[in-house]
Amino acid sequence: MCLAVPGKILSITGTDELRSGRVSFSGIVKEVNLACVPEAKVGDYVIVHVGFALNVVDETEAQVTLDYLRQIGELAELEDAGAASAGEGGEG
């Protein structure tokens, strides 16, 4: 099953179709295409699927979704990878 996961925008670069940002997902930071959400700004939460931000959501909605994903075990692998990367001096 494919999931769209909320993440928090940490930084933004580029413009228009080349607009991208560093987005944190439970401590894992990934580069995400932000072209579909031109209104998104640093500090916003976005729903991301296969590297593309699809929608801006408020923090409460993002946290509810993350809590639900944790409950069903869908974030375990992501959170485990974040803990391992933080322990290795990575971005976590």
PDB file of N, CA and C in Angstrom:
ATOM      1  N   MET A   1       0.843  -1.169   0.000  1.00  0.00           N
ATOM      2  CA  MET A   1       0.000   0.000   0.000  1.00  0.00           C
ATOM      3  C   MET A   1       0.894   1.238   0.000  1.00  0.00           C
ATOM      4  N   CYS A   2       0.516   2.226  -0.767  1.00  0.00           N
ATOM      5  CA  CYS A   2       1.240   3.492  -0.809  1.00  0.00           C
ATOM      6  C   CYS A   2       0.573   4.476   0.135  1.00  0.00           C
ATOM      7  N   LEU A   3       1.384   5.223   0.840  1.00  0.00           N
ATOM      8  CA  LEU A   3       0.870   6.201   1.786  1.00  0.00           C
ATOM      9  C   LEU A   3       1.353   7.596   1.431  1.00  0.00           C
ATOM     10  N   ALA A   4       0.535   8.566   1.723  1.00  0.00           N
ATOM     11  CA  ALA A   4       0.958   9.962   1.700  1.00  0.00           C
ATOM     12  C   ALA A   4       1.158  10.345   3.155  1.00  0.00           C
ATOM     13  N   VAL A   5       2.333  10.857   3.484  1.00  0.00           N
ATOM     14  CA  VAL A   5       2.715  11.090   4.870  1.00  0.00           C
ATOM     15  C   VAL A   5       2.951  12.583   5.105  1.00  0.00           C
ATOM     16  N   PRO A   6       2.469  13.119   6.233  1.00  0.00           N
ATOM     17  CA  PRO A   6       2.728  14.528   6.522  1.00  0.00           C
ATOM     18  C   PRO A   6       4.163  14.742   7.008  1.00  0.00           C
ATOM     19  N   GLY A   7       4.727  15.861   6.576  1.00  0.00           N
ATOM     20  CA  GLY A   7       6.049  16.259   7.027  1.00  0.00           C
ATOM     21  C   GLY A   7       6.112  17.769   7.151  1.00  0.00           C
ATOM     22  N   LYS A   8       7.080  18.246   7.919  1.00  0.00           N
ATOM     23  CA  LYS A   8       7.221  19.679   8.175  1.00  0.00           C
ATOM     24  C   LYS A   8       8.330  20.252   7.298  1.00  0.00           C
ATOM     25  N   ILE A   9       8.022  21.345   6.603  1.00  0.00           N
ATOM     26  CA  ILE A   9       9.001  21.996   5.732  1.00  0.00           C
ATOM     27  C   ILE A   9      10.029  22.724   6.582  1.00  0.00           C
ATOM     28  N   LEU A  10      11.302  22.386   6.362  1.00  0.00           N
ATOM     29  CA  LEU A  10      12.406  23.015   7.087  1.00  0.00           C
ATOM     30  C   LEU A  10      13.047  24.141   6.292  1.00  0.00           C
ATOM     31  N   SER A  11      13.109  23.982   4.961  1.00  0.00           N
ATOM     32  CA  SER A  11      13.691  25.015   4.100  1.00  0.00           C
ATOM     33  C   SER A  11      13.147  24.845   2.689  1.00  0.00           C
ATOM     34  N   ILE A  12      13.226  25.925   1.902  1.00  0.00           N
ATOM     35  CA  ILE A  12      12.711  25.920   0.532  1.00  0.00           C
ATOM     36  C   ILE A  12      13.757  26.540  -0.382  1.00  0.00           C
ATOM     37  N   THR A  13      13.919  25.927  -1.575  1.00  0.00           N
ATOM     38  CA  THR A  13      14.801  26.475  -2.603  1.00  0.00           C
ATOM     39  C   THR A  13      14.088  26.425  -3.950  1.00  0.00           C
ATOM     40  N   GLY A  14      14.560  27.214  -4.892  1.00  0.00           N
ATOM     41  CA  GLY A  14      14.023  27.191  -6.247  1.00  0.00           C
ATOM     42  C   GLY A  14      12.708  27.926  -6.383  1.00  0.00           C
ATOM     43  N   THR A  15      12.198  27.912  -7.607  1.00  0.00           N
ATOM     44  CA  THR A  15      10.929  28.569  -7.913  1.00  0.00           C
ATOM     45  C   THR A  15      10.134  27.715  -8.890  1.00  0.00           C
ATOM     46  N   ASP A  16       8.842  27.952  -8.934  1.00  0.00           N
ATOM     47  CA  ASP A  16       7.923  27.302  -9.862  1.00  0.00           C
ATOM     48  C   ASP A  16       8.099  25.784  -9.874  1.00  0.00           C
ATOM     49  N   GLU A  17       8.263  25.182 -11.067  1.00  0.00           N
ATOM     50  CA  GLU A  17       8.358  23.728 -11.162  1.00  0.00           C
ATOM     51  C   GLU A  17       9.646  23.171 -10.561  1.00  0.00           C
ATOM     52  N   LEU A  18      10.626  24.034 -10.293  1.00  0.00           N
ATOM     53  CA  LEU A  18      11.879  23.608  -9.680  1.00  0.00           C
ATOM     54  C   LEU A  18      11.894  23.851  -8.173  1.00  0.00           C
ATOM     55  N   ARG A  19      10.759  24.264  -7.621  1.00  0.00           N
ATOM     56  CA  ARG A  19      10.663  24.550  -6.187  1.00  0.00           C
ATOM     57  C   ARG A  19      10.728  23.249  -5.394  1.00  0.00           C
ATOM     58  N   SER A  20      11.632  23.213  -4.441  1.00  0.00           N
ATOM     59  CA  SER A  20      11.751  22.023  -3.597  1.00  0.00           C
ATOM     60  C   SER A  20      12.058  22.452  -2.174  1.00  0.00           C
ATOM     61  N   GLY A  21      12.001  21.500  -1.277  1.00  0.00           N
ATOM     62  CA  GLY A  21      12.283  21.829   0.106  1.00  0.00           C
ATOM     63  C   GLY A  21      12.774  20.624   0.869  1.00  0.00           C
ATOM     64  N   ARG A  22      13.413  20.912   1.981  1.00  0.00           N
ATOM     65  CA  ARG A  22      13.821  19.857   2.917  1.00  0.00           C
ATOM     66  C   ARG A  22      12.666  19.702   3.892  1.00  0.00           C
ATOM     67  N   VAL A  23      12.152  18.466   3.965  1.00  0.00           N
ATOM     68  CA  VAL A  23      10.970  18.181   4.773  1.00  0.00           C
ATOM     69  C   VAL A  23      11.311  17.087   5.782  1.00  0.00           C
ATOM     70  N   SER A  24      10.916  17.307   7.043  1.00  0.00           N
ATOM     71  CA  SER A  24      11.185  16.349   8.112  1.00  0.00           C
ATOM     72  C   SER A  24       9.981  15.444   8.330  1.00  0.00           C
ATOM     73  N   PHE A  25      10.242  14.126   8.292  1.00  0.00           N
ATOM     74  CA  PHE A  25       9.250  13.096   8.578  1.00  0.00           C
ATOM     75  C   PHE A  25       9.733  12.321   9.800  1.00  0.00           C
ATOM     76  N   SER A  26       9.205  12.631  10.958  1.00  0.00           N
ATOM     77  CA  SER A  26       9.600  11.934  12.193  1.00  0.00           C
ATOM     78  C   SER A  26      11.112  11.869  12.345  1.00  0.00           C
ATOM     79  N   GLY A  27      11.787  12.957  11.997  1.00  0.00           N
ATOM     80  CA  GLY A  27      13.236  13.020  12.173  1.00  0.00           C
ATOM     81  C   GLY A  27      14.047  12.685  10.941  1.00  0.00           C
ATOM     82  N   ILE A  28      13.433  12.075   9.928  1.00  0.00           N
ATOM     83  CA  ILE A  28      14.115  11.801   8.663  1.00  0.00           C
ATOM     84  C   ILE A  28      13.868  12.999   7.759  1.00  0.00           C
ATOM     85  N   VAL A  29      14.940  13.575   7.210  1.00  0.00           N
ATOM     86  CA  VAL A  29      14.796  14.739   6.345  1.00  0.00           C
ATOM     87  C   VAL A  29      15.006  14.313   4.899  1.00  0.00           C
ATOM     88  N   LYS A  30      14.048  14.656   4.051  1.00  0.00           N
ATOM     89  CA  LYS A  30      14.092  14.313   2.630  1.00  0.00           C
ATOM     90  C   LYS A  30      13.877  15.558   1.787  1.00  0.00           C
ATOM     91  N   GLU A  31      14.423  15.538   0.599  1.00  0.00           N
ATOM     92  CA  GLU A  31      14.178  16.590  -0.387  1.00  0.00           C
ATOM     93  C   GLU A  31      12.861  16.253  -1.080  1.00  0.00           C
ATOM     94  N   VAL A  32      11.945  17.231  -1.133  1.00  0.00           N
ATOM     95  CA  VAL A  32      10.596  17.022  -1.666  1.00  0.00           C
ATOM     96  C   VAL A  32      10.290  18.102  -2.700  1.00  0.00           C
ATOM     97  N   ASN A  33       9.641  17.711  -3.786  1.00  0.00           N
ATOM     98  CA  ASN A  33       9.193  18.663  -4.797  1.00  0.00           C
ATOM     99  C   ASN A  33       7.982  19.416  -4.259  1.00  0.00           C
ATOM    100  N   LEU A  34       8.052  20.758  -4.267  1.00  0.00           N
ATOM    101  CA  LEU A  34       6.972  21.603  -3.737  1.00  0.00           C
ATOM    102  C   LEU A  34       6.214  22.355  -4.828  1.00  0.00           C
ATOM    103  N   ALA A  35       6.412  21.974  -6.082  1.00  0.00           N
ATOM    104  CA  ALA A  35       5.787  22.699  -7.191  1.00  0.00           C
ATOM    105  C   ALA A  35       4.263  22.705  -7.117  1.00  0.00           C
ATOM    106  N   CYS A  36       3.657  21.655  -6.579  1.00  0.00           N
ATOM    107  CA  CYS A  36       2.192  21.557  -6.517  1.00  0.00           C
ATOM    108  C   CYS A  36       1.584  22.343  -5.359  1.00  0.00           C
ATOM    109  N   VAL A  37       2.428  22.876  -4.475  1.00  0.00           N
ATOM    110  CA  VAL A  37       1.932  23.646  -3.330  1.00  0.00           C
ATOM    111  C   VAL A  37       2.675  24.980  -3.247  1.00  0.00           C
ATOM    112  N   PRO A  38       2.427  25.868  -4.221  1.00  0.00           N
ATOM    113  CA  PRO A  38       3.159  27.132  -4.248  1.00  0.00           C
ATOM    114  C   PRO A  38       2.906  28.006  -3.020  1.00  0.00           C
ATOM    115  N   GLU A  39       1.811  27.752  -2.300  1.00  0.00           N
ATOM    116  CA  GLU A  39       1.496  28.540  -1.102  1.00  0.00           C
ATOM    117  C   GLU A  39       2.260  28.066   0.127  1.00  0.00           C
ATOM    118  N   ALA A  40       2.878  26.904   0.061  1.00  0.00           N
ATOM    119  CA  ALA A  40       3.583  26.343   1.217  1.00  0.00           C
ATOM    120  C   ALA A  40       4.795  27.185   1.581  1.00  0.00           C
ATOM    121  N   LYS A  41       5.027  27.295   2.899  1.00  0.00           N
ATOM    122  CA  LYS A  41       6.171  28.066   3.380  1.00  0.00           C
ATOM    123  C   LYS A  41       6.875  27.289   4.490  1.00  0.00           C
ATOM    124  N   VAL A  42       8.058  27.733   4.858  1.00  0.00           N
ATOM    125  CA  VAL A  42       8.818  27.084   5.920  1.00  0.00           C
ATOM    126  C   VAL A  42       7.967  27.041   7.182  1.00  0.00           C
ATOM    127  N   GLY A  43       7.933  25.869   7.817  1.00  0.00           N
ATOM    128  CA  GLY A  43       7.139  25.673   9.029  1.00  0.00           C
ATOM    129  C   GLY A  43       5.792  25.018   8.762  1.00  0.00           C
ATOM    130  N   ASP A  44       5.329  25.043   7.504  1.00  0.00           N
ATOM    131  CA  ASP A  44       4.065  24.391   7.153  1.00  0.00           C
ATOM    132  C   ASP A  44       4.239  22.885   7.117  1.00  0.00           C
ATOM    133  N   TYR A  45       3.139  22.184   7.313  1.00  0.00           N
ATOM    134  CA  TYR A  45       3.099  20.735   7.128  1.00  0.00           C
ATOM    135  C   TYR A  45       2.485  20.453   5.776  1.00  0.00           C
ATOM    136  N   VAL A  46       3.064  19.495   5.054  1.00  0.00           N
ATOM    137  CA  VAL A  46       2.560  19.096   3.750  1.00  0.00           C
ATOM    138  C   VAL A  46       2.367  17.587   3.722  1.00  0.00           C
ATOM    139  N   ILE A  47       1.409  17.155   2.928  1.00  0.00           N
ATOM    140  CA  ILE A  47       1.203  15.731   2.689  1.00  0.00           C
ATOM    141  C   ILE A  47       2.047  15.363   1.481  1.00  0.00           C
ATOM    142  N   VAL A  48       2.927  14.348   1.643  1.00  0.00           N
ATOM    143  CA  VAL A  48       3.883  13.988   0.601  1.00  0.00           C
ATOM    144  C   VAL A  48       3.645  12.549   0.158  1.00  0.00           C
ATOM    145  N   HIS A  49       3.634  12.366  -1.157  1.00  0.00           N
ATOM    146  CA  HIS A  49       3.525  11.032  -1.762  1.00  0.00           C
ATOM    147  C   HIS A  49       4.559  10.932  -2.868  1.00  0.00           C
ATOM    148  N   VAL A  50       5.359   9.913  -2.832  1.00  0.00           N
ATOM    149  CA  VAL A  50       6.444   9.642  -3.789  1.00  0.00           C
ATOM    150  C   VAL A  50       7.277  10.883  -4.129  1.00  0.00           C
ATOM    151  N   GLY A  51       7.621  11.649  -3.101  1.00  0.00           N
ATOM    152  CA  GLY A  51       8.516  12.779  -3.280  1.00  0.00           C
ATOM    153  C   GLY A  51       7.871  14.084  -3.702  1.00  0.00           C
ATOM    154  N   PHE A  52       6.551  14.104  -3.804  1.00  0.00           N
ATOM    155  CA  PHE A  52       5.834  15.319  -4.189  1.00  0.00           C
ATOM    156  C   PHE A  52       4.884  15.740  -3.077  1.00  0.00           C
ATOM    157  N   ALA A  53       4.966  17.001  -2.667  1.00  0.00           N
ATOM    158  CA  ALA A  53       4.004  17.553  -1.713  1.00  0.00           C
ATOM    159  C   ALA A  53       2.713  17.803  -2.472  1.00  0.00           C
ATOM    160  N   LEU A  54       1.616  17.267  -1.956  1.00  0.00           N
ATOM    161  CA  LEU A  54       0.336  17.359  -2.653  1.00  0.00           C
ATOM    162  C   LEU A  54      -0.611  18.382  -2.059  1.00  0.00           C
ATOM    163  N   ASN A  55      -0.443  18.662  -0.757  1.00  0.00           N
ATOM    164  CA  ASN A  55      -1.388  19.526  -0.071  1.00  0.00           C
ATOM    165  C   ASN A  55      -0.752  20.068   1.203  1.00  0.00           C
ATOM    166  N   VAL A  56      -1.127  21.273   1.580  1.00  0.00           N
ATOM    167  CA  VAL A  56      -0.708  21.846   2.857  1.00  0.00           C
ATOM    168  C   VAL A  56      -1.790  21.495   3.870  1.00  0.00           C
ATOM    169  N   VAL A  57      -1.368  21.050   5.068  1.00  0.00           N
ATOM    170  CA  VAL A  57      -2.317  20.737   6.141  1.00  0.00           C
ATOM    171  C   VAL A  57      -1.887  21.454   7.411  1.00  0.00           C
ATOM    172  N   ASP A  58      -2.834  21.656   8.317  1.00  0.00           N
ATOM    173  CA  ASP A  58      -2.441  22.305   9.571  1.00  0.00           C
ATOM    174  C   ASP A  58      -1.743  21.297  10.474  1.00  0.00           C
ATOM    175  N   GLU A  59      -1.036  21.809  11.454  1.00  0.00           N
ATOM    176  CA  GLU A  59      -0.221  20.970  12.333  1.00  0.00           C
ATOM    177  C   GLU A  59      -1.063  19.932  13.074  1.00  0.00           C
ATOM    178  N   THR A  60      -2.254  20.315  13.511  1.00  0.00           N
ATOM    179  CA  THR A  60      -3.123  19.379  14.238  1.00  0.00           C
ATOM    180  C   THR A  60      -3.485  18.189  13.361  1.00  0.00           C
ATOM    181  N   GLU A  61      -3.886  18.461  12.128  1.00  0.00           N
ATOM    182  CA  GLU A  61      -4.236  17.376  11.204  1.00  0.00           C
ATOM    183  C   GLU A  61      -3.020  16.494  10.929  1.00  0.00           C
ATOM    184  N   ALA A  62      -1.850  17.111  10.760  1.00  0.00           N
ATOM    185  CA  ALA A  62      -0.625  16.348  10.523  1.00  0.00           C
ATOM    186  C   ALA A  62      -0.330  15.424  11.698  1.00  0.00           C
ATOM    187  N   GLN A  63      -0.452  15.943  12.932  1.00  0.00           N
ATOM    188  CA  GLN A  63      -0.161  15.128  14.117  1.00  0.00           C
ATOM    189  C   GLN A  63      -1.164  13.989  14.280  1.00  0.00           C
ATOM    190  N   VAL A  64      -2.433  14.240  13.994  1.00  0.00           N
ATOM    191  CA  VAL A  64      -3.452  13.185  14.067  1.00  0.00           C
ATOM    192  C   VAL A  64      -3.107  12.074  13.079  1.00  0.00           C
ATOM    193  N   THR A  65      -2.731  12.456  11.872  1.00  0.00           N
ATOM    194  CA  THR A  65      -2.369  11.465  10.851  1.00  0.00           C
ATOM    195  C   THR A  65      -1.134  10.683  11.268  1.00  0.00           C
ATOM    196  N   LEU A  66      -0.103  11.378  11.768  1.00  0.00           N
ATOM    197  CA  LEU A  66       1.110  10.692  12.217  1.00  0.00           C
ATOM    198  C   LEU A  66       0.806   9.742  13.371  1.00  0.00           C
ATOM    199  N   ASP A  67      -0.041  10.153  14.312  1.00  0.00           N
ATOM    200  CA  ASP A  67      -0.424   9.280  15.429  1.00  0.00           C
ATOM    201  C   ASP A  67      -1.125   8.027  14.923  1.00  0.00           C
ATOM    202  N   TYR A  68      -2.030   8.205  13.963  1.00  0.00           N
ATOM    203  CA  TYR A  68      -2.740   7.057  13.397  1.00  0.00           C
ATOM    204  C   TYR A  68      -1.752   6.119  12.698  1.00  0.00           C
ATOM    205  N   LEU A  69      -0.838   6.659  11.912  1.00  0.00           N
ATOM    206  CA  LEU A  69       0.146   5.825  11.219  1.00  0.00           C
ATOM    207  C   LEU A  69       1.032   5.075  12.209  1.00  0.00           C
ATOM    208  N   ARG A  70       1.369   5.720  13.330  1.00  0.00           N
ATOM    209  CA  ARG A  70       2.138   5.030  14.380  1.00  0.00           C
ATOM    210  C   ARG A  70       1.325   3.869  14.963  1.00  0.00           C
ATOM    211  N   GLN A  71       0.045   4.104  15.212  1.00  0.00           N
ATOM    212  CA  GLN A  71      -0.816   3.075  15.800  1.00  0.00           C
ATOM    213  C   GLN A  71      -0.913   1.842  14.915  1.00  0.00           C
ATOM    214  N   ILE A  72      -0.958   2.035  13.605  1.00  0.00           N
ATOM    215  CA  ILE A  72      -1.078   0.879  12.710  1.00  0.00           C
ATOM    216  C   ILE A  72       0.293   0.351  12.279  1.00  0.00           C
ATOM    217  N   GLY A  73       1.348   0.944  12.812  1.00  0.00           N
ATOM    218  CA  GLY A  73       2.688   0.430  12.566  1.00  0.00           C
ATOM    219  C   GLY A  73       3.329   0.848  11.260  1.00  0.00           C
ATOM    220  N   GLU A  74       2.736   1.795  10.561  1.00  0.00           N
ATOM    221  CA  GLU A  74       3.278   2.220   9.269  1.00  0.00           C
ATOM    222  C   GLU A  74       4.477   3.148   9.388  1.00  0.00           C
ATOM    223  N   LEU A  75       4.709   3.757  10.557  1.00  0.00           N
ATOM    224  CA  LEU A  75       5.848   4.663  10.713  1.00  0.00           C
ATOM    225  C   LEU A  75       7.030   3.998  11.415  1.00  0.00           C
ATOM    226  N   ALA A  76       6.882   2.768  11.850  1.00  0.00           N
ATOM    227  CA  ALA A  76       7.942   2.109  12.608  1.00  0.00           C
ATOM    228  C   ALA A  76       9.253   2.084  11.832  1.00  0.00           C
ATOM    229  N   GLU A  77       9.203   1.696  10.567  1.00  0.00           N
ATOM    230  CA  GLU A  77      10.419   1.628   9.754  1.00  0.00           C
ATOM    231  C   GLU A  77      11.041   3.003   9.587  1.00  0.00           C
ATOM    232  N   LEU A  78      10.226   4.014   9.353  1.00  0.00           N
ATOM    233  CA  LEU A  78      10.728   5.375   9.184  1.00  0.00           C
ATOM    234  C   LEU A  78      11.347   5.884  10.482  1.00  0.00           C
ATOM    235  N   GLU A  79      10.682   5.668  11.606  1.00  0.00           N
ATOM    236  CA  GLU A  79      11.202   6.126  12.890  1.00  0.00           C
ATOM    237  C   GLU A  79      12.459   5.358  13.288  1.00  0.00           C
ATOM    238  N   ASP A  80      12.512   4.048  12.986  1.00  0.00           N
ATOM    239  CA  ASP A  80      13.715   3.260  13.266  1.00  0.00           C
ATOM    240  C   ASP A  80      14.887   3.782  12.445  1.00  0.00           C
ATOM    241  N   ALA A  81      14.644   4.118  11.186  1.00  0.00           N
ATOM    242  CA  ALA A  81      15.701   4.656  10.328  1.00  0.00           C
ATOM    243  C   ALA A  81      16.169   6.010  10.848  1.00  0.00           C
ATOM    244  N   GLY A  82      15.247   6.825  11.368  1.00  0.00           N
ATOM    245  CA  GLY A  82      15.600   8.130  11.922  1.00  0.00           C
ATOM    246  C   GLY A  82      16.480   7.987  13.149  1.00  0.00           C
ATOM    247  N   ALA A  83      16.153   7.031  14.009  1.00  0.00           N
ATOM    248  CA  ALA A  83      16.956   6.802  15.211  1.00  0.00           C
ATOM    249  C   ALA A  83      18.344   6.312  14.841  1.00  0.00           C
ATOM    250  N   ALA A  84      18.435   5.421  13.851  1.00  0.00           N
ATOM    251  CA  ALA A  84      19.739   4.899  13.425  1.00  0.00           C
ATOM    252  C   ALA A  84      20.570   6.003  12.801  1.00  0.00           C
ATOM    253  N   SER A  85      19.945   6.847  11.991  1.00  0.00           N
ATOM    254  CA  SER A  85      20.672   7.933  11.339  1.00  0.00           C
ATOM    255  C   SER A  85      21.152   8.958  12.357  1.00  0.00           C
ATOM    256  N   ALA A  86      20.352   9.232  13.381  1.00  0.00           N
ATOM    257  CA  ALA A  86      20.770  10.176  14.427  1.00  0.00           C
ATOM    258  C   ALA A  86      21.951   9.608  15.204  1.00  0.00           C
ATOM    259  N   GLY A  87      21.953   8.303  15.414  1.00  0.00           N
ATOM    260  CA  GLY A  87      23.037   7.659  16.138  1.00  0.00           C
ATOM    261  C   GLY A  87      24.333   7.613  15.354  1.00  0.00           C
ATOM    262  N   GLU A  88      24.213   7.733  14.030  1.00  0.00           N
ATOM    263  CA  GLU A  88      25.384   7.693  13.159  1.00  0.00           C
ATOM    264  C   GLU A  88      25.867   9.076  12.815  1.00  0.00           C
ATOM    265  N   GLY A  89      25.328  10.096  13.461  1.00  0.00           N
ATOM    266  CA  GLY A  89      25.732  11.469  13.173  1.00  0.00           C
ATOM    267  C   GLY A  89      25.018  12.040  11.962  1.00  0.00           C
ATOM    268  N   GLY A  90      23.938  11.371  11.511  1.00  0.00           N
ATOM    269  CA  GLY A  90      23.183  11.847  10.360  1.00  0.00           C
ATOM    270  C   GLY A  90      22.211  12.932  10.777  1.00  0.00           C
ATOM    271  N   GLU A  91      21.360  13.325   9.833  1.00  0.00           N
ATOM    272  CA  GLU A  91      20.354  14.356  10.097  1.00  0.00           C
ATOM    273  C   GLU A  91      19.193  13.716  10.814  1.00  0.00           C
ATOM    274  N   GLY A  92      19.037  13.834  12.034  1.00  0.00           N
ATOM    275  CA  GLY A  92      17.919  13.192  12.698  1.00  0.00           C
ATOM    276  C   GLY A  92      17.459  13.955  13.795  1.00  0.00           C
TER     277      GLY A  92
END
